[in-house]
Amino acid sequence: MPNERAPSPVMTEHDSELPFTAPSTPRSSGRLDGLLGGKAPRMRGRTPLEPSALVLSVLVPVYNERATIETIIEQVRGAVDVQTQIICVDDCSTDGTRDILARLKQEGRIDVLILHEQNRGKGAAIRTALAASTGNVVIVQDADLEYDPADWPGLLQPIIDGKADAVFGSRFLGGPHRVLFFWHMIGNKTLTLMSNVFTNLNLTDMETCYKAIRGEVARSLHLTADRFGFEPEITARLAQANARIYEVPISYSGRTYAEGKKIGWKDAVAAFWQIAKYNLWHK
């Protein structure tokens, strides 16, 4: 059962007081203990986290996701048996999503709700959520059901085991996925290749939403991208910080444009410039 959460006021992006405090009694960490083999000896040079000490900040950027937001919040709440801090940033939705989020916040199903007063883009919403986070691990969760929180244990394992500072969930490492757009796949692989050329990493999916990162590392990065440039920027910043990066396979249920997909060809073209920009200029 998820922890009970006491309702607290909804904030705008200009509010500084954060209502979240990690619960003093952690949830059972049985799923992660089993995943990591209990209290097995750790290798030298690693920086492990005990599952009982883990607080996972879930960063949920939201824009016009009325049909899916309540479902994804329920999936998030039941994904892993660790302390969670669910932070939703509404990027000035106009379809009624904001009213649903306000109700979920009142019911205690969201820990922090921040409202952007104008539409600023996915990257800006993630930065707002990241600034409000306090967890020792953070993960971005899109609100559109394309990414499944059931994949979180695999993403968290290398961080808890002390092997990684960041873990990317790759859609191209053999996990189950919905068959959709060929040219989107080619575009993703081309952008990943270009990013790898600049970062000297060997990622298979730079554009993935699922990036689990140690909280202190994520909050130390200088991030500026407002729209979908967030993915190449945070990848570049992690490489520049010499972060230990792992990849694990994840499932993926992509949606069509008729179903509400927002990223388009203009964002793909812009990503080429952003990859060069964020790798050549560090600040």
Foldseek 3Di string as FASTA:
>chain_A
DFDFFAFDDAAALPDDDADDDWDPAAFDQVVLCVVQVHCDDADPPFDAADQAQFEEEEQEEDAQQQPFQVVVLVQLRPQGRTHYAYEYEYQPHDNCVVVVVVVCSNNRSHRYYYYYPHHFADLVSRVSSLVNDDTQKYWYDYRQPFFGSNCVSVQCNCRNSRQFQKEAADQPPDAAEDDDDPVVQVLQQVLVVLLCVLLVDDDRGLQGRTMMGGSVLVVVADDDDRYSLRSLQVVLRCSVVVTRYHYDYGYGYDDDVVSPDDDDPVVSVVNSVSSCVNRVDVD
